[in-house]
Amino acid sequence: MNLENATQENLKFMLDELAEQLSVVNREVMQPEDYDLDKFDDIKFMYDMVKQRGQLSPSETQAFIDELRSVRKS
Protein backbone atom coordinates (compact mmCIF):
# COMPACT_ATOMS: atom_id res chain seq x y z
CA MET A 1 0.00 0.00 0.00
CA ASN A 2 1.36 3.40 -0.99
CA LEU A 3 0.58 5.78 1.87
CA GLU A 4 2.04 8.77 0.04
CA ASN A 5 -1.28 9.48 -1.68
CA ALA A 6 -3.83 11.50 0.29
CA THR A 7 -6.85 9.25 -0.14
CA GLN A 8 -9.72 8.41 2.19
CA GLU A 9 -8.65 4.74 2.04
CA ASN A 10 -5.09 5.57 3.14
CA LEU A 11 -6.41 7.84 5.88
CA LYS A 12 -8.64 5.04 7.19
CA PHE A 13 -5.76 2.56 7.11
CA MET A 14 -3.44 4.86 9.06
CA LEU A 15 -6.10 5.73 11.65
CA ASP A 16 -6.91 2.03 12.14
CA GLU A 17 -3.23 1.22 12.56
CA LEU A 18 -2.74 4.11 14.97
CA ALA A 19 -5.74 2.99 17.01
CA GLU A 20 -4.23 -0.48 17.32
CA GLN A 21 -0.70 0.73 18.09
CA LEU A 22 -1.92 3.28 20.64
CA SER A 23 -4.46 0.84 22.14
CA VAL A 24 -7.23 3.39 21.75
CA VAL A 25 -10.32 2.26 23.64
CA ASN A 26 -12.63 5.02 22.38
CA ARG A 27 -12.46 4.45 18.61
CA GLU A 28 -14.83 7.39 18.05
CA VAL A 29 -11.80 9.71 17.93
CA MET A 30 -10.38 7.60 15.09
CA GLN A 31 -13.24 7.77 12.57
CA PRO A 32 -11.77 8.73 9.15
CA GLU A 33 -14.79 10.84 8.23
CA ASP A 34 -13.91 13.14 11.15
CA TYR A 35 -10.63 14.15 9.49
CA ASP A 36 -10.03 16.33 6.44
CA LEU A 37 -7.69 15.09 3.77
CA ASP A 38 -6.03 18.50 4.15
CA LYS A 39 -4.56 17.10 7.39
CA PHE A 40 -3.30 13.93 5.70
CA ASP A 41 0.36 14.96 5.95
CA ASP A 42 0.03 15.66 9.68
CA ILE A 43 -1.57 12.28 10.29
CA LYS A 44 1.02 10.56 8.08
CA PHE A 45 3.80 12.20 10.11
CA MET A 46 2.25 10.90 13.35
CA TYR A 47 1.71 7.47 11.81
CA ASP A 48 5.36 7.26 10.72
CA MET A 49 6.59 8.36 14.15
CA VAL A 50 4.47 5.81 16.00
CA LYS A 51 5.51 3.01 13.63
CA GLN A 52 9.17 3.98 13.98
CA ARG A 53 9.05 4.19 17.78
CA GLY A 54 7.15 0.96 18.32
CA GLN A 55 6.47 0.81 22.06
CA LEU A 56 5.28 4.11 23.53
CA SER A 57 5.01 5.20 27.14
CA PRO A 58 1.54 6.05 28.48
CA SER A 59 2.35 9.78 28.38
CA GLU A 60 3.59 9.54 24.78
CA THR A 61 0.44 7.64 23.83
CA GLN A 62 -1.74 10.32 25.40
CA ALA A 63 0.24 13.03 23.60
CA PHE A 64 -0.34 11.34 20.23
CA ILE A 65 -4.06 10.94 20.93
CA ASP A 66 -4.28 14.61 21.94
CA GLU A 67 -2.50 15.60 18.74
CA LEU A 68 -4.91 13.52 16.67
CA ARG A 69 -7.82 15.28 18.37
CA SER A 70 -6.29 18.63 17.45
CA VAL A 71 -6.36 17.84 13.70
CA ARG A 72 -9.94 16.55 13.69
CA LYS A 73 -12.67 18.54 11.95
CA SER A 74 -14.30 21.13 14.17
C-alpha atoms as a PDB file:
ATOM      1  CA  MET A   1       0.000   0.000   0.000  1.00  0.00           C
ATOM      2  CA  ASN A   2       1.360   3.396  -0.990  1.00  0.00           C
ATOM      3  CA  LEU A   3       0.584   5.783   1.866  1.00  0.00           C
ATOM      4  CA  GLU A   4       2.044   8.771   0.044  1.00  0.00           C
ATOM      5  CA  ASN A   5      -1.281   9.482  -1.677  1.00  0.00           C
ATOM      6  CA  ALA A   6      -3.834  11.505   0.293  1.00  0.00           C
ATOM      7  CA  THR A   7      -6.855   9.253  -0.136  1.00  0.00           C
ATOM      8  CA  GLN A   8      -9.716   8.406   2.190  1.00  0.00           C
ATOM      9  CA  GLU A   9      -8.653   4.743   2.042  1.00  0.00           C
ATOM     10  CA  ASN A  10      -5.094   5.570   3.143  1.00  0.00           C
ATOM     11  CA  LEU A  11      -6.407   7.837   5.885  1.00  0.00           C
ATOM     12  CA  LYS A  12      -8.645   5.041   7.192  1.00  0.00           C
ATOM     13  CA  PHE A  13      -5.757   2.564   7.105  1.00  0.00           C
ATOM     14  CA  MET A  14      -3.443   4.864   9.059  1.00  0.00           C
ATOM     15  CA  LEU A  15      -6.096   5.725  11.652  1.00  0.00           C
ATOM     16  CA  ASP A  16      -6.911   2.034  12.145  1.00  0.00           C
ATOM     17  CA  GLU A  17      -3.231   1.219  12.557  1.00  0.00           C
ATOM     18  CA  LEU A  18      -2.737   4.114  14.973  1.00  0.00           C
ATOM     19  CA  ALA A  19      -5.741   2.995  17.014  1.00  0.00           C
ATOM     20  CA  GLU A  20      -4.227  -0.477  17.325  1.00  0.00           C
ATOM     21  CA  GLN A  21      -0.704   0.729  18.091  1.00  0.00           C
ATOM     22  CA  LEU A  22      -1.919   3.284  20.641  1.00  0.00           C
ATOM     23  CA  SER A  23      -4.456   0.841  22.139  1.00  0.00           C
ATOM     24  CA  VAL A  24      -7.229   3.392  21.752  1.00  0.00           C
ATOM     25  CA  VAL A  25     -10.317   2.262  23.640  1.00  0.00           C
ATOM     26  CA  ASN A  26     -12.635   5.016  22.376  1.00  0.00           C
ATOM     27  CA  ARG A  27     -12.455   4.452  18.614  1.00  0.00           C
ATOM     28  CA  GLU A  28     -14.826   7.389  18.054  1.00  0.00           C
ATOM     29  CA  VAL A  29     -11.803   9.714  17.931  1.00  0.00           C
ATOM     30  CA  MET A  30     -10.378   7.604  15.093  1.00  0.00           C
ATOM     31  CA  GLN A  31     -13.238   7.769  12.569  1.00  0.00           C
ATOM     32  CA  PRO A  32     -11.770   8.728   9.154  1.00  0.00           C
ATOM     33  CA  GLU A  33     -14.795  10.843   8.227  1.00  0.00           C
ATOM     34  CA  ASP A  34     -13.909  13.143  11.153  1.00  0.00           C
ATOM     35  CA  TYR A  35     -10.634  14.148   9.490  1.00  0.00           C
ATOM     36  CA  ASP A  36     -10.031  16.333   6.441  1.00  0.00           C
ATOM     37  CA  LEU A  37      -7.692  15.086   3.766  1.00  0.00           C
ATOM     38  CA  ASP A  38      -6.028  18.502   4.154  1.00  0.00           C
ATOM     39  CA  LYS A  39      -4.556  17.102   7.387  1.00  0.00           C
ATOM     40  CA  PHE A  40      -3.302  13.933   5.704  1.00  0.00           C
ATOM     41  CA  ASP A  41       0.360  14.960   5.949  1.00  0.00           C
ATOM     42  CA  ASP A  42       0.029  15.665   9.683  1.00  0.00           C
ATOM     43  CA  ILE A  43      -1.566  12.283  10.288  1.00  0.00           C
ATOM     44  CA  LYS A  44       1.018  10.557   8.078  1.00  0.00           C
ATOM     45  CA  PHE A  45       3.800  12.201  10.109  1.00  0.00           C
ATOM     46  CA  MET A  46       2.249  10.904  13.353  1.00  0.00           C
ATOM     47  CA  TYR A  47       1.714   7.465  11.814  1.00  0.00           C
ATOM     48  CA  ASP A  48       5.359   7.264  10.718  1.00  0.00           C
ATOM     49  CA  MET A  49       6.588   8.361  14.150  1.00  0.00           C
ATOM     50  CA  VAL A  50       4.472   5.808  15.998  1.00  0.00           C
ATOM     51  CA  LYS A  51       5.510   3.013  13.629  1.00  0.00           C
ATOM     52  CA  GLN A  52       9.171   3.979  13.980  1.00  0.00           C
ATOM     53  CA  ARG A  53       9.053   4.195  17.779  1.00  0.00           C
ATOM     54  CA  GLY A  54       7.147   0.962  18.322  1.00  0.00           C
ATOM     55  CA  GLN A  55       6.473   0.812  22.062  1.00  0.00           C
ATOM     56  CA  LEU A  56       5.276   4.113  23.533  1.00  0.00           C
ATOM     57  CA  SER A  57       5.012   5.203  27.138  1.00  0.00           C
ATOM     58  CA  PRO A  58       1.544   6.051  28.481  1.00  0.00           C
ATOM     59  CA  SER A  59       2.350   9.783  28.384  1.00  0.00           C
ATOM     60  CA  GLU A  60       3.587   9.540  24.777  1.00  0.00           C
ATOM     61  CA  THR A  61       0.444   7.638  23.828  1.00  0.00           C
ATOM     62  CA  GLN A  62      -1.736  10.315  25.397  1.00  0.00           C
ATOM     63  CA  ALA A  63       0.243  13.033  23.596  1.00  0.00           C
ATOM     64  CA  PHE A  64      -0.344  11.343  20.232  1.00  0.00           C
ATOM     65  CA  ILE A  65      -4.060  10.937  20.928  1.00  0.00           C
ATOM     66  CA  ASP A  66      -4.279  14.606  21.940  1.00  0.00           C
ATOM     67  CA  GLU A  67      -2.497  15.602  18.738  1.00  0.00           C
ATOM     68  CA  LEU A  68      -4.909  13.521  16.665  1.00  0.00           C
ATOM     69  CA  ARG A  69      -7.819  15.282  18.367  1.00  0.00           C
ATOM     70  CA  SER A  70      -6.293  18.633  17.452  1.00  0.00           C
ATOM     71  CA  VAL A  71      -6.360  17.844  13.702  1.00  0.00           C
ATOM     72  CA  ARG A  72      -9.944  16.552  13.686  1.00  0.00           C
ATOM     73  CA  LYS A  73     -12.666  18.539  11.954  1.00  0.00           C
ATOM     74  CA  SER A  74     -14.299  21.129  14.174  1.00  0.00           C
END
